[in-house]
Amino acid sequence: MSNRAWGEMVERRSDRELRAKILKELEREGLGGLRLGVQDGRVTLAGTVDSYAKKLAARAAAHRGAGVPELTDNIQVRLPGSAARTDRELADAVGRALEFDEFVPDRKIHFSVARGKVTLEGEVETLGEREDAARVVRHLTGVAGIDNRIRVKGTPAQASPRRRFENRT
């Protein structure tokens, strides 16, 4: 068997192992119905979930499952009829959530809502404040996605590593 054939066999087997680990993590999160593709170590998630929080949980499961550095996220958020909110209703909920969370400097944050996607903007002192703003919003009913454009004033050394969340959609 040539080296090339051996390398291809090993790679296919490791893709299979990677797929099995990720599927196990997805099932643990109750997301076993998503489609998963693994090729040459690259992972693709696809399918539909009923909340943005579940989309983020699927991403986290894939990363946790095998330490995947490269992930293509083709998961669509489709809110069930009971979770659907108008953009105005969602904007009201976002405003209240940011205002009442003690870790979020709500006066420094501006937001907009379009088709369920929340865009956060402004400038805060620490990375932790930036992450807290996204954390507060991601679990609200009706959120289909978050675009976190909040800038951090401080240097990376000043930014708090208190929480680590994925803030991109």
N, C-alpha and C. Protein backbone atom coordinates (compact mmCIF):
# COMPACT_ATOMS: atom_id res chain seq x y z
N MET A 1 0.85 -1.17 0.00
CA MET A 1 0.00 0.00 0.00
C MET A 1 0.90 1.23 0.00
N SER A 2 0.61 2.17 -0.87
CA SER A 2 1.43 3.38 -0.96
C SER A 2 1.16 4.28 0.24
N ASN A 3 2.10 5.21 0.50
CA ASN A 3 1.90 6.17 1.58
C ASN A 3 0.65 6.99 1.37
N ARG A 4 0.40 7.34 0.12
CA ARG A 4 -0.79 8.15 -0.17
C ARG A 4 -2.06 7.39 0.21
N ALA A 5 -2.16 6.13 -0.18
CA ALA A 5 -3.35 5.33 0.16
C ALA A 5 -3.49 5.20 1.66
N TRP A 6 -2.38 4.97 2.36
CA TRP A 6 -2.42 4.85 3.81
C TRP A 6 -2.92 6.14 4.45
N GLY A 7 -2.40 7.29 4.00
CA GLY A 7 -2.84 8.58 4.54
C GLY A 7 -4.31 8.83 4.30
N GLU A 8 -4.81 8.44 3.13
CA GLU A 8 -6.23 8.62 2.83
C GLU A 8 -7.08 7.75 3.73
N MET A 9 -6.64 6.52 4.00
CA MET A 9 -7.41 5.65 4.89
C MET A 9 -7.44 6.21 6.30
N VAL A 10 -6.32 6.69 6.78
CA VAL A 10 -6.25 7.24 8.13
C VAL A 10 -7.14 8.48 8.23
N GLU A 11 -7.09 9.31 7.19
CA GLU A 11 -7.88 10.54 7.21
C GLU A 11 -9.37 10.22 7.23
N ARG A 12 -9.80 9.27 6.40
CA ARG A 12 -11.22 8.91 6.38
C ARG A 12 -11.64 8.38 7.74
N ARG A 13 -10.80 7.56 8.34
CA ARG A 13 -11.15 7.01 9.65
C ARG A 13 -11.23 8.13 10.68
N SER A 14 -10.31 9.10 10.65
CA SER A 14 -10.37 10.18 11.63
C SER A 14 -11.58 11.06 11.39
N ASP A 15 -12.00 11.23 10.12
CA ASP A 15 -13.24 11.96 9.85
C ASP A 15 -14.42 11.22 10.47
N ARG A 16 -14.40 9.90 10.34
CA ARG A 16 -15.47 9.07 10.92
C ARG A 16 -15.49 9.22 12.44
N GLU A 17 -14.31 9.19 13.05
CA GLU A 17 -14.23 9.35 14.50
C GLU A 17 -14.69 10.74 14.92
N LEU A 18 -14.28 11.74 14.18
CA LEU A 18 -14.68 13.11 14.45
C LEU A 18 -16.20 13.23 14.37
N ARG A 19 -16.77 12.66 13.33
CA ARG A 19 -18.22 12.68 13.14
C ARG A 19 -18.93 12.01 14.32
N ALA A 20 -18.43 10.88 14.75
CA ALA A 20 -19.05 10.15 15.87
C ALA A 20 -19.01 10.97 17.15
N LYS A 21 -17.88 11.61 17.42
CA LYS A 21 -17.76 12.43 18.63
C LYS A 21 -18.71 13.62 18.60
N ILE A 22 -18.81 14.26 17.44
CA ILE A 22 -19.68 15.43 17.33
C ILE A 22 -21.14 15.01 17.44
N LEU A 23 -21.51 13.91 16.78
CA LEU A 23 -22.89 13.42 16.89
C LEU A 23 -23.27 13.13 18.33
N LYS A 24 -22.33 12.56 19.07
CA LYS A 24 -22.58 12.26 20.48
C LYS A 24 -22.85 13.56 21.25
N GLU A 25 -22.07 14.60 21.00
CA GLU A 25 -22.27 15.88 21.66
C GLU A 25 -23.59 16.53 21.24
N LEU A 26 -23.92 16.44 19.96
CA LEU A 26 -25.19 17.00 19.49
C LEU A 26 -26.37 16.29 20.14
N GLU A 27 -26.30 14.97 20.23
CA GLU A 27 -27.37 14.21 20.87
C GLU A 27 -27.49 14.56 22.35
N ARG A 28 -26.37 14.78 23.01
CA ARG A 28 -26.38 15.17 24.42
C ARG A 28 -27.12 16.49 24.61
N GLU A 29 -27.03 17.38 23.61
CA GLU A 29 -27.71 18.68 23.66
C GLU A 29 -29.15 18.61 23.14
N GLY A 30 -29.59 17.41 22.73
CA GLY A 30 -30.93 17.27 22.17
C GLY A 30 -31.03 17.79 20.75
N LEU A 31 -29.90 17.80 20.03
CA LEU A 31 -29.84 18.34 18.67
C LEU A 31 -29.42 17.28 17.65
N GLY A 32 -29.76 16.03 17.93
CA GLY A 32 -29.37 14.94 17.06
C GLY A 32 -30.00 14.97 15.68
N GLY A 33 -31.02 15.79 15.48
CA GLY A 33 -31.68 15.87 14.18
C GLY A 33 -30.98 16.74 13.16
N LEU A 34 -29.92 17.41 13.55
CA LEU A 34 -29.18 18.25 12.60
C LEU A 34 -28.34 17.39 11.67
N ARG A 35 -28.10 17.91 10.46
CA ARG A 35 -27.23 17.21 9.52
C ARG A 35 -25.78 17.61 9.79
N LEU A 36 -24.90 16.65 9.70
CA LEU A 36 -23.48 16.86 10.00
C LEU A 36 -22.65 16.29 8.87
N GLY A 37 -21.77 17.11 8.33
CA GLY A 37 -20.84 16.66 7.32
C GLY A 37 -19.41 16.84 7.83
N VAL A 38 -18.57 15.86 7.59
CA VAL A 38 -17.16 15.95 7.96
C VAL A 38 -16.35 15.46 6.77
N GLN A 39 -15.48 16.33 6.28
CA GLN A 39 -14.61 15.94 5.17
C GLN A 39 -13.26 16.62 5.34
N ASP A 40 -12.22 15.81 5.38
CA ASP A 40 -10.85 16.30 5.55
C ASP A 40 -10.73 17.16 6.81
N GLY A 41 -11.44 16.78 7.87
CA GLY A 41 -11.36 17.52 9.13
C GLY A 41 -12.23 18.76 9.18
N ARG A 42 -12.88 19.10 8.08
CA ARG A 42 -13.77 20.27 8.04
C ARG A 42 -15.19 19.83 8.39
N VAL A 43 -15.82 20.57 9.26
CA VAL A 43 -17.14 20.20 9.75
C VAL A 43 -18.18 21.18 9.23
N THR A 44 -19.31 20.63 8.78
CA THR A 44 -20.44 21.44 8.35
C THR A 44 -21.68 20.98 9.10
N LEU A 45 -22.36 21.95 9.72
CA LEU A 45 -23.63 21.69 10.38
C LEU A 45 -24.74 22.30 9.54
N ALA A 46 -25.85 21.59 9.39
CA ALA A 46 -26.98 22.11 8.62
C ALA A 46 -28.27 21.59 9.24
N GLY A 47 -29.34 22.28 8.92
CA GLY A 47 -30.65 21.89 9.43
C GLY A 47 -31.36 23.10 9.97
N THR A 48 -32.41 22.83 10.72
CA THR A 48 -33.26 23.89 11.26
C THR A 48 -33.45 23.68 12.76
N VAL A 49 -33.35 24.77 13.50
CA VAL A 49 -33.65 24.75 14.94
C VAL A 49 -34.69 25.83 15.23
N ASP A 50 -35.31 25.74 16.40
CA ASP A 50 -36.39 26.68 16.71
C ASP A 50 -35.97 27.83 17.62
N SER A 51 -34.65 27.99 17.84
CA SER A 51 -34.19 29.14 18.61
C SER A 51 -32.72 29.42 18.29
N TYR A 52 -32.33 30.66 18.48
CA TYR A 52 -30.94 31.05 18.28
C TYR A 52 -30.04 30.38 19.32
N ALA A 53 -30.56 30.21 20.52
CA ALA A 53 -29.79 29.55 21.58
C ALA A 53 -29.42 28.12 21.16
N LYS A 54 -30.33 27.43 20.48
CA LYS A 54 -30.04 26.06 20.03
C LYS A 54 -28.99 26.07 18.92
N LYS A 55 -29.02 27.08 18.08
CA LYS A 55 -28.00 27.21 17.03
C LYS A 55 -26.62 27.34 17.68
N LEU A 56 -26.53 28.19 18.71
CA LEU A 56 -25.26 28.37 19.41
C LEU A 56 -24.84 27.10 20.15
N ALA A 57 -25.83 26.38 20.71
CA ALA A 57 -25.52 25.13 21.41
C ALA A 57 -24.97 24.09 20.43
N ALA A 58 -25.48 24.07 19.21
CA ALA A 58 -24.98 23.13 18.20
C ALA A 58 -23.54 23.46 17.83
N ARG A 59 -23.26 24.74 17.66
CA ARG A 59 -21.88 25.16 17.36
C ARG A 59 -20.94 24.73 18.49
N ALA A 60 -21.36 25.01 19.72
CA ALA A 60 -20.52 24.68 20.88
C ALA A 60 -20.31 23.17 20.96
N ALA A 61 -21.34 22.38 20.68
CA ALA A 61 -21.21 20.92 20.73
C ALA A 61 -20.21 20.43 19.69
N ALA A 62 -20.23 21.02 18.50
CA ALA A 62 -19.27 20.62 17.47
C ALA A 62 -17.84 20.95 17.88
N HIS A 63 -17.65 22.12 18.42
CA HIS A 63 -16.30 22.51 18.88
C HIS A 63 -15.86 21.64 20.05
N ARG A 64 -16.77 21.39 20.97
CA ARG A 64 -16.45 20.60 22.16
C ARG A 64 -16.22 19.14 21.78
N GLY A 65 -16.98 18.63 20.83
CA GLY A 65 -16.92 17.22 20.46
C GLY A 65 -15.56 16.76 20.02
N ALA A 66 -14.84 17.62 19.34
CA ALA A 66 -13.54 17.17 18.85
C ALA A 66 -12.56 18.32 18.66
N GLY A 67 -12.82 19.43 19.31
CA GLY A 67 -11.90 20.55 19.19
C GLY A 67 -11.80 21.06 17.77
N VAL A 68 -12.90 21.11 17.07
CA VAL A 68 -12.92 21.50 15.66
C VAL A 68 -12.57 22.97 15.51
N PRO A 69 -11.49 23.29 14.80
CA PRO A 69 -11.16 24.71 14.60
C PRO A 69 -11.93 25.33 13.45
N GLU A 70 -12.35 24.52 12.47
CA GLU A 70 -13.03 25.05 11.30
C GLU A 70 -14.43 24.46 11.22
N LEU A 71 -15.43 25.34 11.25
CA LEU A 71 -16.82 24.90 11.26
C LEU A 71 -17.63 25.78 10.33
N THR A 72 -18.36 25.15 9.43
CA THR A 72 -19.30 25.88 8.58
C THR A 72 -20.68 25.69 9.17
N ASP A 73 -21.33 26.80 9.50
CA ASP A 73 -22.64 26.77 10.15
C ASP A 73 -23.71 27.14 9.13
N ASN A 74 -24.45 26.14 8.67
CA ASN A 74 -25.57 26.37 7.76
C ASN A 74 -26.90 26.11 8.46
N ILE A 75 -26.92 26.26 9.77
CA ILE A 75 -28.14 26.04 10.54
C ILE A 75 -29.04 27.26 10.40
N GLN A 76 -30.30 26.99 10.12
CA GLN A 76 -31.30 28.05 10.00
C GLN A 76 -32.15 28.08 11.27
N VAL A 77 -32.47 29.28 11.73
CA VAL A 77 -33.37 29.43 12.87
C VAL A 77 -34.76 29.72 12.32
N ARG A 78 -35.69 28.85 12.62
CA ARG A 78 -37.09 29.04 12.22
C ARG A 78 -37.92 28.98 13.49
N LEU A 79 -38.42 30.12 13.86
CA LEU A 79 -39.19 30.21 15.10
C LEU A 79 -40.58 29.63 14.92
N PRO A 80 -41.04 28.85 15.89
CA PRO A 80 -42.41 28.34 15.80
C PRO A 80 -43.39 29.50 15.96
N GLY A 81 -44.60 29.33 15.49
CA GLY A 81 -45.61 30.39 15.54
C GLY A 81 -45.76 31.01 16.92
N SER A 82 -45.69 30.19 17.97
CA SER A 82 -45.87 30.71 19.32
C SER A 82 -44.69 31.56 19.78
N ALA A 83 -43.52 31.39 19.16
CA ALA A 83 -42.33 32.16 19.56
C ALA A 83 -42.13 33.39 18.70
N ALA A 84 -42.88 33.48 17.61
CA ALA A 84 -42.70 34.61 16.70
C ALA A 84 -43.13 35.90 17.38
N ARG A 85 -42.33 36.93 17.20
CA ARG A 85 -42.63 38.26 17.71
C ARG A 85 -42.42 39.25 16.58
N THR A 86 -43.13 40.33 16.64
CA THR A 86 -42.84 41.39 15.68
C THR A 86 -41.50 42.00 16.08
N ASP A 87 -40.87 42.68 15.15
CA ASP A 87 -39.60 43.34 15.47
C ASP A 87 -39.79 44.35 16.60
N ARG A 88 -40.92 45.02 16.62
CA ARG A 88 -41.18 46.01 17.69
C ARG A 88 -41.27 45.31 19.05
N GLU A 89 -41.98 44.18 19.11
CA GLU A 89 -42.08 43.43 20.37
C GLU A 89 -40.71 42.93 20.81
N LEU A 90 -39.93 42.45 19.85
CA LEU A 90 -38.60 41.96 20.17
C LEU A 90 -37.70 43.10 20.63
N ALA A 91 -37.79 44.25 19.98
CA ALA A 91 -36.98 45.41 20.39
C ALA A 91 -37.33 45.82 21.82
N ASP A 92 -38.60 45.80 22.17
CA ASP A 92 -39.00 46.12 23.55
C ASP A 92 -38.38 45.13 24.54
N ALA A 93 -38.41 43.84 24.19
CA ALA A 93 -37.84 42.81 25.06
C ALA A 93 -36.33 42.96 25.19
N VAL A 94 -35.65 43.28 24.09
CA VAL A 94 -34.20 43.48 24.12
C VAL A 94 -33.86 44.66 25.02
N GLY A 95 -34.58 45.76 24.86
CA GLY A 95 -34.34 46.94 25.69
C GLY A 95 -34.49 46.65 27.17
N ARG A 96 -35.56 45.94 27.52
CA ARG A 96 -35.78 45.58 28.94
C ARG A 96 -34.69 44.66 29.45
N ALA A 97 -34.33 43.67 28.64
CA ALA A 97 -33.31 42.70 29.08
C ALA A 97 -31.97 43.38 29.32
N LEU A 98 -31.58 44.26 28.41
CA LEU A 98 -30.30 44.97 28.59
C LEU A 98 -30.35 45.89 29.80
N GLU A 99 -31.48 46.54 29.99
CA GLU A 99 -31.62 47.49 31.11
C GLU A 99 -31.56 46.80 32.46
N PHE A 100 -32.15 45.62 32.56
CA PHE A 100 -32.27 44.98 33.86
C PHE A 100 -31.14 44.02 34.21
N ASP A 101 -30.21 43.78 33.30
CA ASP A 101 -29.08 42.92 33.64
C ASP A 101 -27.99 43.75 34.28
N GLU A 102 -27.58 43.37 35.47
CA GLU A 102 -26.61 44.17 36.25
C GLU A 102 -25.22 44.22 35.64
N PHE A 103 -24.88 43.29 34.74
CA PHE A 103 -23.54 43.27 34.15
C PHE A 103 -23.45 44.05 32.84
N VAL A 104 -24.58 44.53 32.35
CA VAL A 104 -24.62 45.19 31.05
C VAL A 104 -24.73 46.71 31.23
N PRO A 105 -23.78 47.46 30.68
CA PRO A 105 -23.86 48.93 30.74
C PRO A 105 -24.82 49.42 29.64
N ASP A 106 -26.13 49.27 29.89
CA ASP A 106 -27.13 49.46 28.85
C ASP A 106 -27.13 50.85 28.23
N ARG A 107 -26.69 51.85 28.96
CA ARG A 107 -26.68 53.21 28.40
C ARG A 107 -25.59 53.39 27.33
N LYS A 108 -24.66 52.46 27.28
CA LYS A 108 -23.58 52.53 26.28
C LYS A 108 -23.86 51.67 25.06
N ILE A 109 -25.00 50.97 25.08
CA ILE A 109 -25.31 50.03 24.02
C ILE A 109 -26.55 50.47 23.26
N HIS A 110 -26.45 50.43 21.94
CA HIS A 110 -27.58 50.73 21.06
C HIS A 110 -27.88 49.46 20.29
N PHE A 111 -29.12 49.30 19.89
CA PHE A 111 -29.46 48.09 19.15
C PHE A 111 -30.55 48.37 18.13
N SER A 112 -30.63 47.47 17.17
CA SER A 112 -31.72 47.51 16.20
C SER A 112 -32.17 46.07 15.95
N VAL A 113 -33.39 45.94 15.46
CA VAL A 113 -33.94 44.62 15.18
C VAL A 113 -34.53 44.63 13.77
N ALA A 114 -34.18 43.65 12.98
CA ALA A 114 -34.73 43.50 11.64
C ALA A 114 -34.96 42.01 11.37
N ARG A 115 -36.19 41.63 11.13
CA ARG A 115 -36.56 40.23 10.86
C ARG A 115 -36.02 39.27 11.92
N GLY A 116 -36.08 39.70 13.17
CA GLY A 116 -35.65 38.85 14.28
C GLY A 116 -34.17 38.87 14.57
N LYS A 117 -33.39 39.52 13.73
CA LYS A 117 -31.94 39.61 13.96
C LYS A 117 -31.64 40.89 14.73
N VAL A 118 -30.95 40.76 15.85
CA VAL A 118 -30.61 41.88 16.71
C VAL A 118 -29.18 42.32 16.43
N THR A 119 -29.00 43.60 16.15
CA THR A 119 -27.67 44.16 15.96
C THR A 119 -27.35 45.01 17.18
N LEU A 120 -26.26 44.68 17.86
CA LEU A 120 -25.81 45.42 19.04
C LEU A 120 -24.64 46.30 18.64
N GLU A 121 -24.67 47.56 19.08
CA GLU A 121 -23.58 48.50 18.77
C GLU A 121 -23.29 49.34 20.01
N GLY A 122 -22.17 50.01 19.98
CA GLY A 122 -21.76 50.88 21.07
C GLY A 122 -20.32 50.59 21.46
N GLU A 123 -19.92 51.15 22.58
CA GLU A 123 -18.56 50.97 23.06
C GLU A 123 -18.60 50.75 24.56
N VAL A 124 -17.97 49.67 25.02
CA VAL A 124 -17.94 49.32 26.44
C VAL A 124 -16.50 49.25 26.93
N GLU A 125 -16.35 49.11 28.21
CA GLU A 125 -15.02 49.10 28.83
C GLU A 125 -14.29 47.76 28.71
N THR A 126 -15.04 46.64 28.79
CA THR A 126 -14.39 45.33 28.83
C THR A 126 -15.04 44.34 27.87
N LEU A 127 -14.29 43.30 27.54
CA LEU A 127 -14.81 42.21 26.73
C LEU A 127 -15.98 41.54 27.45
N GLY A 128 -15.89 41.43 28.75
CA GLY A 128 -16.97 40.83 29.53
C GLY A 128 -18.29 41.56 29.36
N GLU A 129 -18.25 42.89 29.31
CA GLU A 129 -19.47 43.67 29.11
C GLU A 129 -20.04 43.41 27.71
N ARG A 130 -19.17 43.30 26.74
CA ARG A 130 -19.60 43.01 25.37
C ARG A 130 -20.28 41.65 25.31
N GLU A 131 -19.65 40.66 25.92
CA GLU A 131 -20.19 39.31 25.93
C GLU A 131 -21.48 39.22 26.72
N ASP A 132 -21.57 39.96 27.83
CA ASP A 132 -22.79 39.95 28.63
C ASP A 132 -23.98 40.49 27.86
N ALA A 133 -23.76 41.51 27.05
CA ALA A 133 -24.86 42.06 26.25
C ALA A 133 -25.41 41.00 25.30
N ALA A 134 -24.54 40.26 24.63
CA ALA A 134 -24.99 39.20 23.72
C ALA A 134 -25.64 38.07 24.50
N ARG A 135 -25.10 37.73 25.66
CA ARG A 135 -25.68 36.67 26.49
C ARG A 135 -27.11 36.99 26.88
N VAL A 136 -27.35 38.23 27.25
CA VAL A 136 -28.68 38.64 27.68
C VAL A 136 -29.69 38.50 26.54
N VAL A 137 -29.26 38.82 25.34
CA VAL A 137 -30.16 38.84 24.19
C VAL A 137 -30.38 37.45 23.60
N ARG A 138 -29.37 36.60 23.59
CA ARG A 138 -29.44 35.35 22.83
C ARG A 138 -30.55 34.42 23.28
N HIS A 139 -31.00 34.50 24.52
CA HIS A 139 -32.03 33.57 25.00
C HIS A 139 -33.44 34.15 24.94
N LEU A 140 -33.59 35.35 24.43
CA LEU A 140 -34.92 35.94 24.34
C LEU A 140 -35.74 35.23 23.26
N THR A 141 -36.99 35.00 23.57
CA THR A 141 -37.89 34.40 22.59
C THR A 141 -38.02 35.32 21.39
N GLY A 142 -37.86 34.76 20.21
CA GLY A 142 -38.01 35.52 18.99
C GLY A 142 -36.71 35.93 18.33
N VAL A 143 -35.58 35.76 19.01
CA VAL A 143 -34.29 36.14 18.43
C VAL A 143 -33.88 35.09 17.40
N ALA A 144 -33.64 35.55 16.18
CA ALA A 144 -33.22 34.65 15.10
C ALA A 144 -31.72 34.74 14.85
N GLY A 145 -31.06 35.76 15.40
CA GLY A 145 -29.63 35.93 15.23
C GLY A 145 -29.15 37.18 15.91
N ILE A 146 -27.84 37.26 16.15
CA ILE A 146 -27.24 38.43 16.79
C ILE A 146 -26.01 38.82 16.00
N ASP A 147 -25.90 40.12 15.73
CA ASP A 147 -24.71 40.68 15.12
C ASP A 147 -24.12 41.61 16.17
N ASN A 148 -23.10 41.14 16.87
CA ASN A 148 -22.52 41.91 17.97
C ASN A 148 -21.40 42.80 17.45
N ARG A 149 -21.70 44.07 17.28
CA ARG A 149 -20.73 45.04 16.79
C ARG A 149 -20.22 45.95 17.90
N ILE A 150 -20.44 45.57 19.13
CA ILE A 150 -20.00 46.38 20.26
C ILE A 150 -18.47 46.38 20.30
N ARG A 151 -17.89 47.56 20.40
CA ARG A 151 -16.44 47.70 20.48
C ARG A 151 -16.02 47.77 21.96
N VAL A 152 -14.80 47.29 22.22
CA VAL A 152 -14.23 47.33 23.57
C VAL A 152 -13.18 48.42 23.61
N LYS A 153 -13.32 49.36 24.55
CA LYS A 153 -12.37 50.47 24.67
C LYS A 153 -10.99 50.00 25.08
N GLY A 154 -10.94 49.18 26.11
CA GLY A 154 -9.68 48.78 26.71
C GLY A 154 -8.83 47.92 25.80
N THR A 155 -7.59 47.74 26.18
CA THR A 155 -6.69 46.85 25.46
C THR A 155 -7.09 45.41 25.76
N PRO A 156 -6.63 44.45 24.98
CA PRO A 156 -6.96 43.05 25.26
C PRO A 156 -6.59 42.63 26.68
N ALA A 157 -5.52 43.17 27.24
CA ALA A 157 -5.12 42.81 28.61
C ALA A 157 -6.14 43.31 29.62
N GLN A 158 -6.84 44.41 29.30
CA GLN A 158 -7.83 44.96 30.22
C GLN A 158 -9.18 44.26 30.06
N ALA A 159 -9.40 43.62 28.93
CA ALA A 159 -10.69 42.98 28.67
C ALA A 159 -10.84 41.75 29.56
N SER A 160 -11.96 41.64 30.22
CA SER A 160 -12.21 40.55 31.14
C SER A 160 -12.49 39.24 30.42
N PRO A 161 -11.77 38.17 30.74
CA PRO A 161 -12.05 36.88 30.13
C PRO A 161 -13.08 36.10 30.93
N ARG A 162 -13.89 36.80 31.71
CA ARG A 162 -14.84 36.18 32.63
C ARG A 162 -15.75 35.17 31.95
N ARG A 163 -16.22 35.49 30.78
CA ARG A 163 -17.09 34.57 30.05
C ARG A 163 -16.60 34.47 28.62
N ARG A 164 -16.76 33.30 28.04
CA ARG A 164 -16.39 33.09 26.64
C ARG A 164 -17.63 32.60 25.90
N PHE A 165 -18.18 33.43 25.07
CA PHE A 165 -19.33 33.07 24.25
C PHE A 165 -19.07 33.44 22.81
N GLU A 166 -19.65 32.69 21.89
CA GLU A 166 -19.58 33.02 20.48
C GLU A 166 -20.65 34.06 20.22
N ASN A 167 -20.25 35.24 19.74
CA ASN A 167 -21.19 36.33 19.55
C ASN A 167 -21.51 36.60 18.09
N ARG A 168 -21.01 35.79 17.21
CA ARG A 168 -21.30 36.00 15.79
C ARG A 168 -22.36 35.04 15.34
N THR A 169 -23.10 35.46 14.39
CA THR A 169 -24.12 34.55 13.85
C THR A 169 -23.58 33.72 12.74
